[in-house]
Amino acid sequence: MSGVITAISTGAAAFSATNIDDFVILTLFFSQVNVKFRKWHIILGQYAGFTALVMVSLPGFFGG
């Protein structure tokens, strides 16, 4: 059981660390919003990218 707790805490820490970079990039994108580049483009891209990453990682999770 200790290994599961260690894996979950390591995963949570890695996820949090990578999201710091994501916040910086999103801040830069939101600062460039104009008539052709809207806020919904950024939000839709964020959700689409995150969904793609989860879908790509699921076969490895279930196959492992």
N, C-alpha and C. Protein backbone atom coordinates (compact mmCIF):
# COMPACT_ATOMS: atom_id res chain seq x y z
N MET A 1 0.83 -1.20 0.00
CA MET A 1 0.00 0.00 0.00
C MET A 1 0.86 1.25 0.00
N SER A 2 2.03 1.16 0.60
CA SER A 2 2.92 2.31 0.66
C SER A 2 3.39 2.74 -0.73
N GLY A 3 3.58 1.77 -1.63
CA GLY A 3 3.99 2.09 -2.99
C GLY A 3 2.94 2.88 -3.74
N VAL A 4 1.67 2.56 -3.49
CA VAL A 4 0.57 3.28 -4.15
C VAL A 4 0.53 4.72 -3.67
N ILE A 5 0.68 4.93 -2.40
CA ILE A 5 0.67 6.29 -1.84
C ILE A 5 1.85 7.09 -2.38
N THR A 6 3.01 6.46 -2.48
CA THR A 6 4.18 7.14 -3.03
C THR A 6 3.97 7.50 -4.49
N ALA A 7 3.38 6.58 -5.27
CA ALA A 7 3.13 6.85 -6.68
C ALA A 7 2.13 7.99 -6.86
N ILE A 8 1.09 8.00 -6.05
CA ILE A 8 0.08 9.07 -6.15
C ILE A 8 0.68 10.42 -5.77
N SER A 9 1.44 10.46 -4.70
CA SER A 9 2.04 11.74 -4.29
C SER A 9 3.08 12.22 -5.30
N THR A 10 3.85 11.30 -5.88
CA THR A 10 4.82 11.69 -6.92
C THR A 10 4.11 12.20 -8.15
N GLY A 11 3.05 11.53 -8.55
CA GLY A 11 2.26 11.98 -9.70
C GLY A 11 1.64 13.35 -9.48
N ALA A 12 1.11 13.57 -8.30
CA ALA A 12 0.51 14.87 -7.98
C ALA A 12 1.55 15.98 -7.99
N ALA A 13 2.73 15.69 -7.47
CA ALA A 13 3.80 16.69 -7.46
C ALA A 13 4.27 17.00 -8.89
N ALA A 14 4.41 15.98 -9.71
CA ALA A 14 4.83 16.20 -11.10
C ALA A 14 3.77 16.97 -11.87
N PHE A 15 2.51 16.65 -11.66
CA PHE A 15 1.41 17.36 -12.32
C PHE A 15 1.41 18.83 -11.91
N SER A 16 1.60 19.10 -10.64
CA SER A 16 1.63 20.49 -10.15
C SER A 16 2.82 21.25 -10.72
N ALA A 17 3.96 20.61 -10.79
CA ALA A 17 5.15 21.28 -11.32
C ALA A 17 5.00 21.63 -12.79
N THR A 18 4.40 20.75 -13.57
CA THR A 18 4.22 21.05 -14.99
C THR A 18 3.15 22.10 -15.22
N ASN A 19 2.20 22.21 -14.30
CA ASN A 19 1.16 23.22 -14.46
C ASN A 19 1.68 24.63 -14.21
N ILE A 20 2.77 24.78 -13.50
CA ILE A 20 3.36 26.11 -13.32
C ILE A 20 3.77 26.66 -14.67
N ASP A 21 4.40 25.84 -15.51
CA ASP A 21 4.76 26.26 -16.86
C ASP A 21 3.51 26.58 -17.68
N ASP A 22 2.48 25.78 -17.50
CA ASP A 22 1.24 25.98 -18.24
C ASP A 22 0.61 27.33 -17.90
N PHE A 23 0.63 27.72 -16.64
CA PHE A 23 0.07 29.01 -16.24
C PHE A 23 0.83 30.16 -16.89
N VAL A 24 2.13 30.04 -16.99
CA VAL A 24 2.94 31.09 -17.63
C VAL A 24 2.58 31.21 -19.11
N ILE A 25 2.50 30.08 -19.80
CA ILE A 25 2.15 30.10 -21.22
C ILE A 25 0.74 30.65 -21.43
N LEU A 26 -0.21 30.22 -20.62
CA LEU A 26 -1.58 30.73 -20.75
C LEU A 26 -1.65 32.23 -20.49
N THR A 27 -0.88 32.72 -19.54
CA THR A 27 -0.85 34.16 -19.27
C THR A 27 -0.33 34.92 -20.48
N LEU A 28 0.69 34.38 -21.13
CA LEU A 28 1.21 35.02 -22.34
C LEU A 28 0.17 35.01 -23.46
N PHE A 29 -0.52 33.89 -23.64
CA PHE A 29 -1.55 33.83 -24.66
C PHE A 29 -2.70 34.80 -24.37
N PHE A 30 -3.16 34.85 -23.13
CA PHE A 30 -4.26 35.76 -22.79
C PHE A 30 -3.85 37.23 -22.94
N SER A 31 -2.57 37.53 -22.83
CA SER A 31 -2.13 38.91 -23.02
C SER A 31 -2.13 39.31 -24.49
N GLN A 32 -2.25 38.34 -25.40
CA GLN A 32 -2.23 38.62 -26.83
C GLN A 32 -3.62 38.53 -27.47
N VAL A 33 -4.68 38.50 -26.67
CA VAL A 33 -6.03 38.41 -27.20
C VAL A 33 -6.36 39.68 -27.98
N ASN A 34 -6.93 39.48 -29.18
CA ASN A 34 -7.38 40.60 -30.00
C ASN A 34 -8.63 40.17 -30.77
N VAL A 35 -8.93 40.87 -31.87
CA VAL A 35 -10.15 40.59 -32.62
C VAL A 35 -10.11 39.20 -33.26
N LYS A 36 -8.96 38.78 -33.78
CA LYS A 36 -8.87 37.48 -34.44
C LYS A 36 -8.50 36.34 -33.49
N PHE A 37 -7.86 36.65 -32.41
CA PHE A 37 -7.41 35.65 -31.44
C PHE A 37 -8.18 35.87 -30.15
N ARG A 38 -9.26 35.10 -29.98
CA ARG A 38 -10.19 35.31 -28.86
C ARG A 38 -9.84 34.43 -27.67
N LYS A 39 -10.45 34.76 -26.53
CA LYS A 39 -10.23 33.98 -25.31
C LYS A 39 -10.70 32.54 -25.48
N TRP A 40 -11.79 32.33 -26.21
CA TRP A 40 -12.31 30.98 -26.36
C TRP A 40 -11.36 30.10 -27.16
N HIS A 41 -10.53 30.69 -28.04
CA HIS A 41 -9.53 29.91 -28.75
C HIS A 41 -8.53 29.30 -27.76
N ILE A 42 -8.13 30.09 -26.80
CA ILE A 42 -7.15 29.64 -25.80
C ILE A 42 -7.77 28.56 -24.92
N ILE A 43 -8.98 28.79 -24.45
CA ILE A 43 -9.65 27.84 -23.57
C ILE A 43 -9.92 26.52 -24.30
N LEU A 44 -10.41 26.61 -25.53
CA LEU A 44 -10.67 25.40 -26.31
C LEU A 44 -9.37 24.64 -26.57
N GLY A 45 -8.31 25.34 -26.89
CA GLY A 45 -7.02 24.70 -27.11
C GLY A 45 -6.49 24.04 -25.86
N GLN A 46 -6.70 24.67 -24.72
CA GLN A 46 -6.26 24.09 -23.45
C GLN A 46 -6.98 22.78 -23.17
N TYR A 47 -8.29 22.79 -23.33
CA TYR A 47 -9.05 21.56 -23.09
C TYR A 47 -8.72 20.48 -24.12
N ALA A 48 -8.59 20.85 -25.37
CA ALA A 48 -8.27 19.87 -26.42
C ALA A 48 -6.89 19.25 -26.18
N GLY A 49 -5.92 20.07 -25.83
CA GLY A 49 -4.57 19.56 -25.58
C GLY A 49 -4.51 18.65 -24.37
N PHE A 50 -5.19 19.04 -23.30
CA PHE A 50 -5.18 18.22 -22.09
C PHE A 50 -5.89 16.89 -22.35
N THR A 51 -7.01 16.94 -23.07
CA THR A 51 -7.73 15.71 -23.41
C THR A 51 -6.86 14.79 -24.26
N ALA A 52 -6.15 15.36 -25.23
CA ALA A 52 -5.27 14.55 -26.08
C ALA A 52 -4.17 13.89 -25.25
N LEU A 53 -3.58 14.62 -24.32
CA LEU A 53 -2.54 14.03 -23.48
C LEU A 53 -3.07 12.89 -22.62
N VAL A 54 -4.26 13.06 -22.08
CA VAL A 54 -4.86 12.00 -21.27
C VAL A 54 -5.16 10.77 -22.13
N MET A 55 -5.71 10.99 -23.31
CA MET A 55 -6.03 9.87 -24.20
C MET A 55 -4.79 9.11 -24.65
N VAL A 56 -3.71 9.82 -24.89
CA VAL A 56 -2.47 9.17 -25.30
C VAL A 56 -1.85 8.38 -24.15
N SER A 57 -2.03 8.84 -22.92
CA SER A 57 -1.41 8.16 -21.79
C SER A 57 -2.24 6.99 -21.28
N LEU A 58 -3.53 6.93 -21.59
CA LEU A 58 -4.36 5.85 -21.08
C LEU A 58 -3.94 4.45 -21.54
N PRO A 59 -3.56 4.24 -22.81
CA PRO A 59 -3.11 2.89 -23.17
C PRO A 59 -1.89 2.43 -22.36
N GLY A 60 -0.99 3.33 -22.08
CA GLY A 60 0.16 2.96 -21.24
C GLY A 60 -0.25 2.64 -19.82
N PHE A 61 -1.23 3.38 -19.31
CA PHE A 61 -1.70 3.13 -17.95
C PHE A 61 -2.38 1.76 -17.84
N PHE A 62 -3.30 1.51 -18.77
CA PHE A 62 -4.02 0.24 -18.71
C PHE A 62 -3.18 -0.93 -19.20
N GLY A 63 -2.23 -0.68 -20.09
CA GLY A 63 -1.37 -1.75 -20.57
C GLY A 63 -0.28 -2.13 -19.61
N GLY A 64 0.04 -1.22 -18.70
CA GLY A 64 1.11 -1.49 -17.75
C GLY A 64 0.62 -2.28 -16.62
